[in-house]
PDB file of all heavy atoms in Angstrom:
ATOM      1  N   GLN A   1       0.839  -1.197  -0.009  1.00  0.00           N
ATOM      2  CA  GLN A   1       0.001   0.007   0.001  1.00  0.00           C
ATOM      3  C   GLN A   1       0.863   1.255  -0.004  1.00  0.00           C
ATOM      4  O   GLN A   1       0.595   2.225  -0.707  1.00  0.00           O
ATOM      5  CB  GLN A   1      -0.914  -0.016   1.226  1.00  0.00           C
ATOM      6  CG  GLN A   1      -1.879   1.158   1.300  1.00  0.00           C
ATOM      7  CD  GLN A   1      -2.924   1.122   0.197  1.00  0.00           C
ATOM      8  OE1 GLN A   1      -3.340   0.049  -0.214  1.00  0.00           O
ATOM      9  NE2 GLN A   1      -3.280   2.283  -0.293  1.00  0.00           N
ATOM     10  N   LEU A   2       1.928   1.245   0.787  1.00  0.00           N
ATOM     11  CA  LEU A   2       2.839   2.398   0.818  1.00  0.00           C
ATOM     12  C   LEU A   2       3.517   2.611  -0.529  1.00  0.00           C
ATOM     13  O   LEU A   2       3.667   3.740  -1.005  1.00  0.00           O
ATOM     14  CB  LEU A   2       3.891   2.192   1.919  1.00  0.00           C
ATOM     15  CG  LEU A   2       4.969   3.265   2.040  1.00  0.00           C
ATOM     16  CD1 LEU A   2       4.340   4.635   2.327  1.00  0.00           C
ATOM     17  CD2 LEU A   2       5.999   2.887   3.113  1.00  0.00           C
ATOM     18  N   LEU A   3       3.946   1.506  -1.158  1.00  0.00           N
ATOM     19  CA  LEU A   3       4.608   1.618  -2.459  1.00  0.00           C
ATOM     20  C   LEU A   3       3.652   2.189  -3.528  1.00  0.00           C
ATOM     21  O   LEU A   3       4.051   3.033  -4.339  1.00  0.00           O
ATOM     22  CB  LEU A   3       5.110   0.251  -2.908  1.00  0.00           C
ATOM     23  CG  LEU A   3       5.849   0.188  -4.244  1.00  0.00           C
ATOM     24  CD1 LEU A   3       7.092   1.072  -4.179  1.00  0.00           C
ATOM     25  CD2 LEU A   3       6.226  -1.263  -4.572  1.00  0.00           C
ATOM     26  N   GLN A   4       2.397   1.760  -3.525  1.00  0.00           N
ATOM     27  CA  GLN A   4       1.415   2.302  -4.488  1.00  0.00           C
ATOM     28  C   GLN A   4       1.218   3.796  -4.277  1.00  0.00           C
ATOM     29  O   GLN A   4       1.083   4.568  -5.249  1.00  0.00           O
ATOM     30  CB  GLN A   4       0.094   1.549  -4.331  1.00  0.00           C
ATOM     31  CG  GLN A   4       0.143   0.102  -4.823  1.00  0.00           C
ATOM     32  CD  GLN A   4      -1.206  -0.571  -4.661  1.00  0.00           C
ATOM     33  OE1 GLN A   4      -2.198   0.038  -4.256  1.00  0.00           O
ATOM     34  NE2 GLN A   4      -1.248  -1.874  -4.981  1.00  0.00           N
ATOM     35  N   THR A   5       1.156   4.210  -3.067  1.00  0.00           N
ATOM     36  CA  THR A   5       0.985   5.638  -2.769  1.00  0.00           C
ATOM     37  C   THR A   5       2.177   6.445  -3.274  1.00  0.00           C
ATOM     38  O   THR A   5       2.030   7.526  -3.855  1.00  0.00           O
ATOM     39  CB  THR A   5       0.805   5.852  -1.254  1.00  0.00           C
ATOM     40  OG1 THR A   5      -0.303   5.094  -0.774  1.00  0.00           O
ATOM     41  CG2 THR A   5       0.598   7.321  -0.938  1.00  0.00           C
ATOM     42  N   ILE A   6       3.374   5.917  -3.070  1.00  0.00           N
ATOM     43  CA  ILE A   6       4.591   6.627  -3.562  1.00  0.00           C
ATOM     44  C   ILE A   6       4.576   6.718  -5.080  1.00  0.00           C
ATOM     45  O   ILE A   6       4.886   7.774  -5.655  1.00  0.00           O
ATOM     46  CB  ILE A   6       5.841   5.895  -3.041  1.00  0.00           C
ATOM     47  CG1 ILE A   6       5.947   6.010  -1.504  1.00  0.00           C
ATOM     48  CG2 ILE A   6       7.097   6.462  -3.710  1.00  0.00           C
ATOM     49  CD1 ILE A   6       7.059   5.175  -0.907  1.00  0.00           C
ATOM     50  N   VAL A   7       4.228   5.603  -5.748  1.00  0.00           N
ATOM     51  CA  VAL A   7       4.168   5.633  -7.215  1.00  0.00           C
ATOM     52  C   VAL A   7       3.129   6.631  -7.714  1.00  0.00           C
ATOM     53  O   VAL A   7       3.358   7.394  -8.665  1.00  0.00           O
ATOM     54  CB  VAL A   7       3.889   4.207  -7.741  1.00  0.00           C
ATOM     55  CG1 VAL A   7       3.617   4.245  -9.245  1.00  0.00           C
ATOM     56  CG2 VAL A   7       5.049   3.281  -7.457  1.00  0.00           C
ATOM     57  N   GLU A   8       1.969   6.649  -7.105  1.00  0.00           N
ATOM     58  CA  GLU A   8       0.909   7.578  -7.519  1.00  0.00           C
ATOM     59  C   GLU A   8       1.343   9.026  -7.327  1.00  0.00           C
ATOM     60  O   GLU A   8       1.073   9.893  -8.167  1.00  0.00           O
ATOM     61  CB  GLU A   8      -0.353   7.278  -6.729  1.00  0.00           C
ATOM     62  CG  GLU A   8      -1.575   8.063  -7.226  1.00  0.00           C
ATOM     63  CD  GLU A   8      -2.858   7.620  -6.502  1.00  0.00           C
ATOM     64  OE1 GLU A   8      -2.794   6.701  -5.653  1.00  0.00           O
ATOM     65  OE2 GLU A   8      -3.909   8.208  -6.798  1.00  0.00           O
ATOM     66  N   MET A   9       2.024   9.300  -6.219  1.00  0.00           N
ATOM     67  CA  MET A   9       2.521  10.663  -6.003  1.00  0.00           C
ATOM     68  C   MET A   9       3.555  11.055  -7.054  1.00  0.00           C
ATOM     69  O   MET A   9       3.558  12.196  -7.550  1.00  0.00           O
ATOM     70  CB  MET A   9       3.160  10.754  -4.607  1.00  0.00           C
ATOM     71  CG  MET A   9       2.161  10.736  -3.472  1.00  0.00           C
ATOM     72  SD  MET A   9       2.969  10.934  -1.862  1.00  0.00           S
ATOM     73  CE  MET A   9       3.578  12.629  -2.013  1.00  0.00           C
ATOM     74  N   ALA A  10       4.419  10.077  -7.453  1.00  0.00           N
ATOM     75  CA  ALA A  10       5.422  10.374  -8.481  1.00  0.00           C
ATOM     76  C   ALA A  10       4.762  10.691  -9.823  1.00  0.00           C
ATOM     77  O   ALA A  10       5.173  11.609 -10.543  1.00  0.00           O
ATOM     78  CB  ALA A  10       6.383   9.196  -8.618  1.00  0.00           C
ATOM     79  N   ASN A  11       3.711   9.958 -10.156  1.00  0.00           N
ATOM     80  CA  ASN A  11       3.000  10.208 -11.432  1.00  0.00           C
ATOM     81  C   ASN A  11       2.337  11.582 -11.432  1.00  0.00           C
ATOM     82  O   ASN A  11       2.406  12.331 -12.436  1.00  0.00           O
ATOM     83  CB  ASN A  11       1.945   9.128 -11.665  1.00  0.00           C
ATOM     84  CG  ASN A  11       2.563   7.773 -11.972  1.00  0.00           C
ATOM     85  OD1 ASN A  11       3.696   7.707 -12.485  1.00  0.00           O
ATOM     86  ND2 ASN A  11       1.852   6.686 -11.701  1.00  0.00           N
ATOM     87  N   ILE A  12       1.717  11.922 -10.316  1.00  0.00           N
ATOM     88  CA  ILE A  12       1.057  13.239 -10.246  1.00  0.00           C
ATOM     89  C   ILE A  12       2.084  14.359 -10.276  1.00  0.00           C
ATOM     90  O   ILE A  12       1.878  15.411 -10.899  1.00  0.00           O
ATOM     91  CB  ILE A  12       0.180  13.299  -8.982  1.00  0.00           C
ATOM     92  CG1 ILE A  12      -0.988  12.306  -9.104  1.00  0.00           C
ATOM     93  CG2 ILE A  12      -0.372  14.723  -8.777  1.00  0.00           C
ATOM     94  CD1 ILE A  12      -1.860  12.240  -7.864  1.00  0.00           C
ATOM     95  N   GLU A  13       3.223  14.183  -9.598  1.00  0.00           N
ATOM     96  CA  GLU A  13       4.271  15.205  -9.645  1.00  0.00           C
ATOM     97  C   GLU A  13       4.793  15.384 -11.079  1.00  0.00           C
ATOM     98  O   GLU A  13       5.075  16.514 -11.516  1.00  0.00           O
ATOM     99  CB  GLU A  13       5.403  14.821  -8.682  1.00  0.00           C
ATOM    100  CG  GLU A  13       5.041  14.995  -7.222  1.00  0.00           C
ATOM    101  CD  GLU A  13       6.156  14.521  -6.309  1.00  0.00           C
ATOM    102  OE1 GLU A  13       7.126  13.904  -6.857  1.00  0.00           O
ATOM    103  OE2 GLU A  13       6.088  14.734  -5.102  1.00  0.00           O
ATOM    104  N   ARG A  14       4.976  14.246 -11.766  1.00  0.00           N
ATOM    105  CA  ARG A  14       5.422  14.349 -13.165  1.00  0.00           C
ATOM    106  C   ARG A  14       4.364  15.076 -14.031  1.00  0.00           C
ATOM    107  O   ARG A  14       4.710  15.912 -14.870  1.00  0.00           O
ATOM    108  CB  ARG A  14       5.692  12.959 -13.715  1.00  0.00           C
ATOM    109  CG  ARG A  14       6.264  12.993 -15.141  1.00  0.00           C
ATOM    110  CD  ARG A  14       6.735  11.608 -15.608  1.00  0.00           C
ATOM    111  NE  ARG A  14       5.625  10.655 -15.626  1.00  0.00           N
ATOM    112  CZ  ARG A  14       5.474   9.686 -14.735  1.00  0.00           C
ATOM    113  NH1 ARG A  14       6.335   9.550 -13.734  1.00  0.00           N
ATOM    114  NH2 ARG A  14       4.433   8.843 -14.796  1.00  0.00           N
ATOM    115  N   GLN A  15       3.096  14.783 -13.832  1.00  0.00           N
ATOM    116  CA  GLN A  15       2.029  15.434 -14.598  1.00  0.00           C
ATOM    117  C   GLN A  15       1.988  16.934 -14.271  1.00  0.00           C
ATOM    118  O   GLN A  15       1.780  17.760 -15.153  1.00  0.00           O
ATOM    119  CB  GLN A  15       0.686  14.781 -14.281  1.00  0.00           C
ATOM    120  CG  GLN A  15      -0.464  15.256 -15.150  1.00  0.00           C
ATOM    121  CD  GLN A  15      -0.267  14.866 -16.602  1.00  0.00           C
ATOM    122  OE1 GLN A  15       0.110  13.745 -16.902  1.00  0.00           O
ATOM    123  NE2 GLN A  15      -0.470  15.810 -17.501  1.00  0.00           N
ATOM    124  N   ARG A  16       2.183  17.245 -12.983  1.00  0.00           N
ATOM    125  CA  ARG A  16       2.189  18.664 -12.599  1.00  0.00           C
ATOM    126  C   ARG A  16       3.339  19.407 -13.282  1.00  0.00           C
ATOM    127  O   ARG A  16       3.186  20.550 -13.726  1.00  0.00           O
ATOM    128  CB  ARG A  16       2.302  18.779 -11.078  1.00  0.00           C
ATOM    129  CG  ARG A  16       2.202  20.226 -10.588  1.00  0.00           C
ATOM    130  CD  ARG A  16       2.510  20.335  -9.108  1.00  0.00           C
ATOM    131  NE  ARG A  16       2.323  21.682  -8.622  1.00  0.00           N
ATOM    132  CZ  ARG A  16       3.155  22.696  -8.839  1.00  0.00           C
ATOM    133  NH1 ARG A  16       4.297  22.487  -9.523  1.00  0.00           N
ATOM    134  NH2 ARG A  16       2.901  23.890  -8.341  1.00  0.00           N
ATOM    135  N   GLY A  17       4.498  18.743 -13.330  1.00  0.00           N
ATOM    136  CA  GLY A  17       5.631  19.372 -14.031  1.00  0.00           C
ATOM    137  C   GLY A  17       5.330  19.618 -15.499  1.00  0.00           C
ATOM    138  O   GLY A  17       5.730  20.652 -16.072  1.00  0.00           O
ATOM    139  N   GLU A  18       4.628  18.681 -16.147  1.00  0.00           N
ATOM    140  CA  GLU A  18       4.259  18.856 -17.532  1.00  0.00           C
ATOM    141  C   GLU A  18       3.278  20.023 -17.709  1.00  0.00           C
ATOM    142  O   GLU A  18       3.405  20.802 -18.656  1.00  0.00           O
ATOM    143  CB  GLU A  18       3.641  17.553 -18.070  1.00  0.00           C
ATOM    144  CG  GLU A  18       3.233  17.602 -19.532  1.00  0.00           C
ATOM    145  CD  GLU A  18       4.411  17.730 -20.456  1.00  0.00           C
ATOM    146  OE1 GLU A  18       5.558  17.424 -20.033  1.00  0.00           O
ATOM    147  OE2 GLU A  18       4.211  18.163 -21.616  1.00  0.00           O
ATOM    148  N   TYR A  19       2.339  20.131 -16.773  1.00  0.00           N
ATOM    149  CA  TYR A  19       1.411  21.276 -16.822  1.00  0.00           C
ATOM    150  C   TYR A  19       2.165  22.594 -16.706  1.00  0.00           C
ATOM    151  O   TYR A  19       1.887  23.573 -17.408  1.00  0.00           O
ATOM    152  CB  TYR A  19       0.381  21.162 -15.716  1.00  0.00           C
ATOM    153  CG  TYR A  19      -0.608  20.028 -15.876  1.00  0.00           C
ATOM    154  CD1 TYR A  19      -1.203  19.417 -14.768  1.00  0.00           C
ATOM    155  CD2 TYR A  19      -0.933  19.553 -17.160  1.00  0.00           C
ATOM    156  CE1 TYR A  19      -2.101  18.377 -14.936  1.00  0.00           C
ATOM    157  CE2 TYR A  19      -1.833  18.513 -17.311  1.00  0.00           C
ATOM    158  CZ  TYR A  19      -2.407  17.924 -16.206  1.00  0.00           C
ATOM    159  OH  TYR A  19      -3.301  16.893 -16.373  1.00  0.00           O
ATOM    160  N   SER A  20       3.123  22.638 -15.812  1.00  0.00           N
ATOM    161  CA  SER A  20       3.917  23.874 -15.619  1.00  0.00           C
ATOM    162  C   SER A  20       4.709  24.195 -16.883  1.00  0.00           C
ATOM    163  O   SER A  20       4.829  25.375 -17.285  1.00  0.00           O
ATOM    164  CB  SER A  20       4.847  23.714 -14.425  1.00  0.00           C
ATOM    165  OG  SER A  20       4.110  23.492 -13.221  1.00  0.00           O
ATOM    166  N   ARG A  21       5.282  23.175 -17.482  1.00  0.00           N
ATOM    167  CA  ARG A  21       6.062  23.398 -18.701  1.00  0.00           C
ATOM    168  C   ARG A  21       5.164  23.913 -19.847  1.00  0.00           C
ATOM    169  O   ARG A  21       5.547  24.841 -20.577  1.00  0.00           O
ATOM    170  CB  ARG A  21       6.768  22.103 -19.135  1.00  0.00           C
ATOM    171  CG  ARG A  21       7.798  22.285 -20.235  1.00  0.00           C
ATOM    172  CD  ARG A  21       8.402  20.964 -20.619  1.00  0.00           C
ATOM    173  NE  ARG A  21       7.422  20.143 -21.319  1.00  0.00           N
ATOM    174  CZ  ARG A  21       7.155  20.262 -22.636  1.00  0.00           C
ATOM    175  NH1 ARG A  21       7.784  21.173 -23.352  1.00  0.00           N
ATOM    176  NH2 ARG A  21       6.271  19.470 -23.183  1.00  0.00           N
ATOM    177  N   GLN A  22       3.986  23.324 -19.984  1.00  0.00           N
ATOM    178  CA  GLN A  22       3.055  23.767 -21.019  1.00  0.00           C
ATOM    179  C   GLN A  22       2.580  25.203 -20.751  1.00  0.00           C
ATOM    180  O   GLN A  22       2.400  25.991 -21.683  1.00  0.00           O
ATOM    181  CB  GLN A  22       1.849  22.831 -21.075  1.00  0.00           C
ATOM    182  CG  GLN A  22       2.160  21.443 -21.624  1.00  0.00           C
ATOM    183  CD  GLN A  22       2.544  21.460 -23.094  1.00  0.00           C
ATOM    184  OE1 GLN A  22       2.225  22.389 -23.818  1.00  0.00           O
ATOM    185  NE2 GLN A  22       3.264  20.441 -23.530  1.00  0.00           N
ATOM    186  N   LEU A  23       2.403  25.523 -19.485  1.00  0.00           N
ATOM    187  CA  LEU A  23       2.004  26.890 -19.133  1.00  0.00           C
ATOM    188  C   LEU A  23       3.067  27.913 -19.533  1.00  0.00           C
ATOM    189  O   LEU A  23       2.762  28.972 -20.083  1.00  0.00           O
ATOM    190  CB  LEU A  23       1.724  26.957 -17.631  1.00  0.00           C
ATOM    191  CG  LEU A  23       1.270  28.335 -17.092  1.00  0.00           C
ATOM    192  CD1 LEU A  23      -0.048  28.756 -17.728  1.00  0.00           C
ATOM    193  CD2 LEU A  23       1.145  28.306 -15.568  1.00  0.00           C
ATOM    194  N   ASP A  24       4.334  27.575 -19.249  1.00  0.00           N
ATOM    195  CA  ASP A  24       5.412  28.487 -19.645  1.00  0.00           C
ATOM    196  C   ASP A  24       5.593  28.524 -21.166  1.00  0.00           C
ATOM    197  O   ASP A  24       5.991  29.549 -21.720  1.00  0.00           O
ATOM    198  CB  ASP A  24       6.730  28.036 -18.982  1.00  0.00           C
ATOM    199  CG  ASP A  24       6.666  28.152 -17.461  1.00  0.00           C
ATOM    200  OD1 ASP A  24       5.833  28.951 -16.973  1.00  0.00           O
ATOM    201  OD2 ASP A  24       7.428  27.419 -16.778  1.00  0.00           O
ATOM    202  N   LYS A  25       5.305  27.383 -21.822  1.00  0.00           N
ATOM    203  CA  LYS A  25       5.516  27.335 -23.271  1.00  0.00           C
ATOM    204  C   LYS A  25       4.509  28.165 -24.047  1.00  0.00           C
ATOM    205  O   LYS A  25       4.780  28.576 -25.183  1.00  0.00           O
ATOM    206  CB  LYS A  25       5.435  25.861 -23.728  1.00  0.00           C
ATOM    207  CG  LYS A  25       5.811  25.645 -25.180  1.00  0.00           C
ATOM    208  CD  LYS A  25       5.746  24.167 -25.547  1.00  0.00           C
ATOM    209  CE  LYS A  25       6.101  23.970 -27.014  1.00  0.00           C
ATOM    210  NZ  LYS A  25       6.037  22.545 -27.412  1.00  0.00           N
ATOM    211  N   ILE A  26       3.358  28.406 -23.455  1.00  0.00           N
ATOM    212  CA  ILE A  26       2.337  29.204 -24.176  1.00  0.00           C
ATOM    213  C   ILE A  26       2.909  30.546 -24.587  1.00  0.00           C
ATOM    214  O   ILE A  26       2.814  30.966 -25.741  1.00  0.00           O
ATOM    215  CB  ILE A  26       1.090  29.375 -23.305  1.00  0.00           C
ATOM    216  CG1 ILE A  26       0.352  28.043 -23.178  1.00  0.00           C
ATOM    217  CG2 ILE A  26       0.156  30.421 -23.902  1.00  0.00           C
ATOM    218  CD1 ILE A  26      -0.865  28.101 -22.278  1.00  0.00           C
ATOM    219  N   ASP A  27       3.539  31.251 -23.650  1.00  0.00           N
ATOM    220  CA  ASP A  27       4.096  32.565 -23.963  1.00  0.00           C
ATOM    221  C   ASP A  27       5.320  32.464 -24.843  1.00  0.00           C
ATOM    222  O   ASP A  27       5.461  33.223 -25.814  1.00  0.00           O
ATOM    223  CB  ASP A  27       4.437  33.293 -22.665  1.00  0.00           C
ATOM    224  CG  ASP A  27       3.190  33.725 -21.900  1.00  0.00           C
ATOM    225  OD1 ASP A  27       2.145  33.964 -22.552  1.00  0.00           O
ATOM    226  OD2 ASP A  27       3.248  33.808 -20.656  1.00  0.00           O
ATOM    227  N   SER A  28       6.229  31.529 -24.571  1.00  0.00           N
ATOM    228  CA  SER A  28       7.454  31.433 -25.363  1.00  0.00           C
ATOM    229  C   SER A  28       7.152  30.997 -26.789  1.00  0.00           C
ATOM    230  O   SER A  28       7.689  31.565 -27.764  1.00  0.00           O
ATOM    231  CB  SER A  28       8.415  30.426 -24.717  1.00  0.00           C
ATOM    232  OG  SER A  28       7.832  29.116 -24.633  1.00  0.00           O
ATOM    233  N   GLN A  29       6.251  30.007 -26.961  1.00  0.00           N
ATOM    234  CA  GLN A  29       5.891  29.567 -28.316  1.00  0.00           C
ATOM    235  C   GLN A  29       5.158  30.672 -29.074  1.00  0.00           C
ATOM    236  O   GLN A  29       5.345  30.851 -30.282  1.00  0.00           O
ATOM    237  CB  GLN A  29       5.021  28.299 -28.241  1.00  0.00           C
ATOM    238  CG  GLN A  29       4.721  27.695 -29.606  1.00  0.00           C
ATOM    239  CD  GLN A  29       5.966  27.217 -30.313  1.00  0.00           C
ATOM    240  OE1 GLN A  29       6.839  26.605 -29.697  1.00  0.00           O
ATOM    241  NE2 GLN A  29       6.088  27.507 -31.610  1.00  0.00           N
ATOM    242  N   ASN A  30       4.345  31.419 -28.357  1.00  0.00           N
ATOM    243  CA  ASN A  30       3.658  32.547 -29.001  1.00  0.00           C
ATOM    244  C   ASN A  30       4.644  33.580 -29.497  1.00  0.00           C
ATOM    245  O   ASN A  30       4.494  34.139 -30.601  1.00  0.00           O
ATOM    246  CB  ASN A  30       2.688  33.181 -27.997  1.00  0.00           C
ATOM    247  CG  ASN A  30       1.897  34.317 -28.628  1.00  0.00           C
ATOM    248  OD1 ASN A  30       1.017  34.121 -29.453  1.00  0.00           O
ATOM    249  ND2 ASN A  30       2.226  35.530 -28.201  1.00  0.00           N
ATOM    250  N   HIS A  31       5.702  33.856 -28.702  1.00  0.00           N
ATOM    251  CA  HIS A  31       6.728  34.793 -29.130  1.00  0.00           C
ATOM    252  C   HIS A  31       7.466  34.253 -30.366  1.00  0.00           C
ATOM    253  O   HIS A  31       7.757  35.007 -31.311  1.00  0.00           O
ATOM    254  CB  HIS A  31       7.707  35.059 -27.999  1.00  0.00           C
ATOM    255  CG  HIS A  31       7.250  36.104 -27.037  1.00  0.00           C
ATOM    256  ND1 HIS A  31       6.160  35.909 -26.199  1.00  0.00           N
ATOM    257  CD2 HIS A  31       7.693  37.372 -26.803  1.00  0.00           C
ATOM    258  CE1 HIS A  31       5.969  37.007 -25.480  1.00  0.00           C
ATOM    259  NE2 HIS A  31       6.890  37.900 -25.815  1.00  0.00           N
ATOM    260  N   ILE A  32       7.774  32.964 -30.347  1.00  0.00           N
ATOM    261  CA  ILE A  32       8.477  32.372 -31.507  1.00  0.00           C
ATOM    262  C   ILE A  32       7.629  32.493 -32.774  1.00  0.00           C
ATOM    263  O   ILE A  32       8.103  32.904 -33.839  1.00  0.00           O
ATOM    264  CB  ILE A  32       8.815  30.897 -31.220  1.00  0.00           C
ATOM    265  CG1 ILE A  32       9.858  30.804 -30.094  1.00  0.00           C
ATOM    266  CG2 ILE A  32       9.333  30.213 -32.481  1.00  0.00           C
ATOM    267  CD1 ILE A  32      10.119  29.371 -29.622  1.00  0.00           C
ATOM    268  N   ASP A  33       6.352  32.144 -32.658  1.00  0.00           N
ATOM    269  CA  ASP A  33       5.458  32.231 -33.810  1.00  0.00           C
ATOM    270  C   ASP A  33       5.294  33.672 -34.288  1.00  0.00           C
ATOM    271  O   ASP A  33       5.262  33.949 -35.492  1.00  0.00           O
ATOM    272  CB  ASP A  33       4.095  31.638 -33.464  1.00  0.00           C
ATOM    273  CG  ASP A  33       4.168  30.143 -33.191  1.00  0.00           C
ATOM    274  OD1 ASP A  33       5.160  29.509 -33.647  1.00  0.00           O
ATOM    275  OD2 ASP A  33       3.244  29.616 -32.534  1.00  0.00           O
ATOM    276  N   ASP A  34       5.200  34.594 -33.326  1.00  0.00           N
ATOM    277  CA  ASP A  34       5.012  36.010 -33.709  1.00  0.00           C
ATOM    278  C   ASP A  34       6.259  36.551 -34.412  1.00  0.00           C
ATOM    279  O   ASP A  34       6.142  37.315 -35.390  1.00  0.00           O
ATOM    280  CB  ASP A  34       4.721  36.860 -32.468  1.00  0.00           C
ATOM    281  CG  ASP A  34       3.287  36.677 -31.989  1.00  0.00           C
ATOM    282  OD1 ASP A  34       2.480  36.111 -32.759  1.00  0.00           O
ATOM    283  OD2 ASP A  34       2.961  37.096 -30.860  1.00  0.00           O
ATOM    284  N   TRP A  35       7.446  36.174 -33.949  1.00  0.00           N
ATOM    285  CA  TRP A  35       8.664  36.632 -34.611  1.00  0.00           C
ATOM    286  C   TRP A  35       8.749  36.090 -36.039  1.00  0.00           C
ATOM    287  O   TRP A  35       9.135  36.802 -36.968  1.00  0.00           O
ATOM    288  CB  TRP A  35       9.911  36.206 -33.811  1.00  0.00           C
ATOM    289  CG  TRP A  35      10.224  37.118 -32.659  1.00  0.00           C
ATOM    290  CD1 TRP A  35      10.197  36.807 -31.333  1.00  0.00           C
ATOM    291  CD2 TRP A  35      10.613  38.491 -32.759  1.00  0.00           C
ATOM    292  NE1 TRP A  35      10.536  37.895 -30.586  1.00  0.00           N
ATOM    293  CE2 TRP A  35      10.814  38.949 -31.423  1.00  0.00           C
ATOM    294  CE3 TRP A  35      10.813  39.381 -33.798  1.00  0.00           C
ATOM    295  CZ2 TRP A  35      11.191  40.246 -31.133  1.00  0.00           C
ATOM    296  CZ3 TRP A  35      11.202  40.672 -33.500  1.00  0.00           C
ATOM    297  CH2 TRP A  35      11.379  41.102 -32.206  1.00  0.00           C
TER     298      TRP A  35
END
């Protein structure tokens, strides 16, 4: 049970990091496209 909880937390942390990267990419990609 403890191992499953740790794995689930790792997956959510990885997904959160992806959300953060996509959030930052919106502005940077928009600047690239605009240039």
